[in-house]
């Protein structure tokens, strides 16, 4: 059981999960603000 947990929570997997969470947070933060350049022509 410990070897299975060690494989799941390896250093590479933790880095990948952290990177994924950062990208999701950036996507949510960027989607909050509407880009003004789209509406400049209207």
C-alpha atoms as a PDB file:
ATOM      1  CA  UNK A   1       0.000   0.000   0.000  1.00  0.00           C
ATOM      2  CA  UNK A   2       2.836   2.399   0.782  1.00  0.00           C
ATOM      3  CA  UNK A   3       4.474   1.778  -2.575  1.00  0.00           C
ATOM      4  CA  UNK A   4       1.197   2.573  -4.330  1.00  0.00           C
ATOM      5  CA  UNK A   5       0.857   5.858  -2.437  1.00  0.00           C
ATOM      6  CA  UNK A   6       4.485   6.656  -3.137  1.00  0.00           C
ATOM      7  CA  UNK A   7       3.875   6.137  -6.881  1.00  0.00           C
ATOM      8  CA  UNK A   8       0.755   8.305  -6.851  1.00  0.00           C
ATOM      9  CA  UNK A   9       2.305  11.120  -4.821  1.00  0.00           C
ATOM     10  CA  UNK A  10       5.681  11.179  -6.492  1.00  0.00           C
ATOM     11  CA  UNK A  11       7.496  14.459  -6.963  1.00  0.00           C
ATOM     12  CA  UNK A  12       6.653  14.633 -10.671  1.00  0.00           C
ATOM     13  CA  UNK A  13       2.959  14.013 -10.051  1.00  0.00           C
ATOM     14  CA  UNK A  14       2.827  16.686  -7.363  1.00  0.00           C
ATOM     15  CA  UNK A  15       4.513  19.175  -9.694  1.00  0.00           C
ATOM     16  CA  UNK A  16       2.062  18.302 -12.464  1.00  0.00           C
ATOM     17  CA  UNK A  17      -0.930  18.723 -10.141  1.00  0.00           C
ATOM     18  CA  UNK A  18       0.406  22.057  -8.889  1.00  0.00           C
ATOM     19  CA  UNK A  19       0.941  23.283 -12.442  1.00  0.00           C
ATOM     20  CA  UNK A  20      -2.574  22.193 -13.390  1.00  0.00           C
ATOM     21  CA  UNK A  21      -4.085  24.044 -10.416  1.00  0.00           C
ATOM     22  CA  UNK A  22      -2.134  27.202 -11.295  1.00  0.00           C
ATOM     23  CA  UNK A  23      -3.348  27.039 -14.898  1.00  0.00           C
ATOM     24  CA  UNK A  24      -6.948  26.559 -13.758  1.00  0.00           C
ATOM     25  CA  UNK A  25      -6.671  29.520 -11.379  1.00  0.00           C
ATOM     26  CA  UNK A  26      -5.192  31.713 -14.129  1.00  0.00           C
ATOM     27  CA  UNK A  27      -7.967  30.683 -16.514  1.00  0.00           C
ATOM     28  CA  UNK A  28     -10.649  31.569 -13.976  1.00  0.00           C
ATOM     29  CA  UNK A  29      -8.989  34.899 -13.161  1.00  0.00           C
ATOM     30  CA  UNK A  30      -8.583  35.787 -16.839  1.00  0.00           C
ATOM     31  CA  UNK A  31     -12.181  34.847 -17.655  1.00  0.00           C
ATOM     32  CA  UNK A  32     -13.432  37.266 -14.988  1.00  0.00           C
ATOM     33  CA  UNK A  33     -12.258  40.362 -16.846  1.00  0.00           C
ATOM     34  CA  UNK A  34     -13.811  41.102 -20.217  1.00  0.00           C
ATOM     35  CA  UNK A  35     -11.275  42.201 -22.838  1.00  0.00           C
ATOM     36  CA  UNK A  36     -12.020  45.811 -23.787  1.00  0.00           C
ATOM     37  CA  UNK A  37     -10.445  45.578 -27.264  1.00  0.00           C
ATOM     38  CA  UNK A  38     -13.373  43.429 -28.446  1.00  0.00           C
ATOM     39  CA  UNK A  39     -15.882  46.160 -27.655  1.00  0.00           C
ATOM     40  CA  UNK A  40     -13.943  49.137 -28.985  1.00  0.00           C
ATOM     41  CA  UNK A  41     -15.580  48.995 -32.408  1.00  0.00           C
ATOM     42  CA  UNK A  42     -19.126  49.044 -31.064  1.00  0.00           C
END
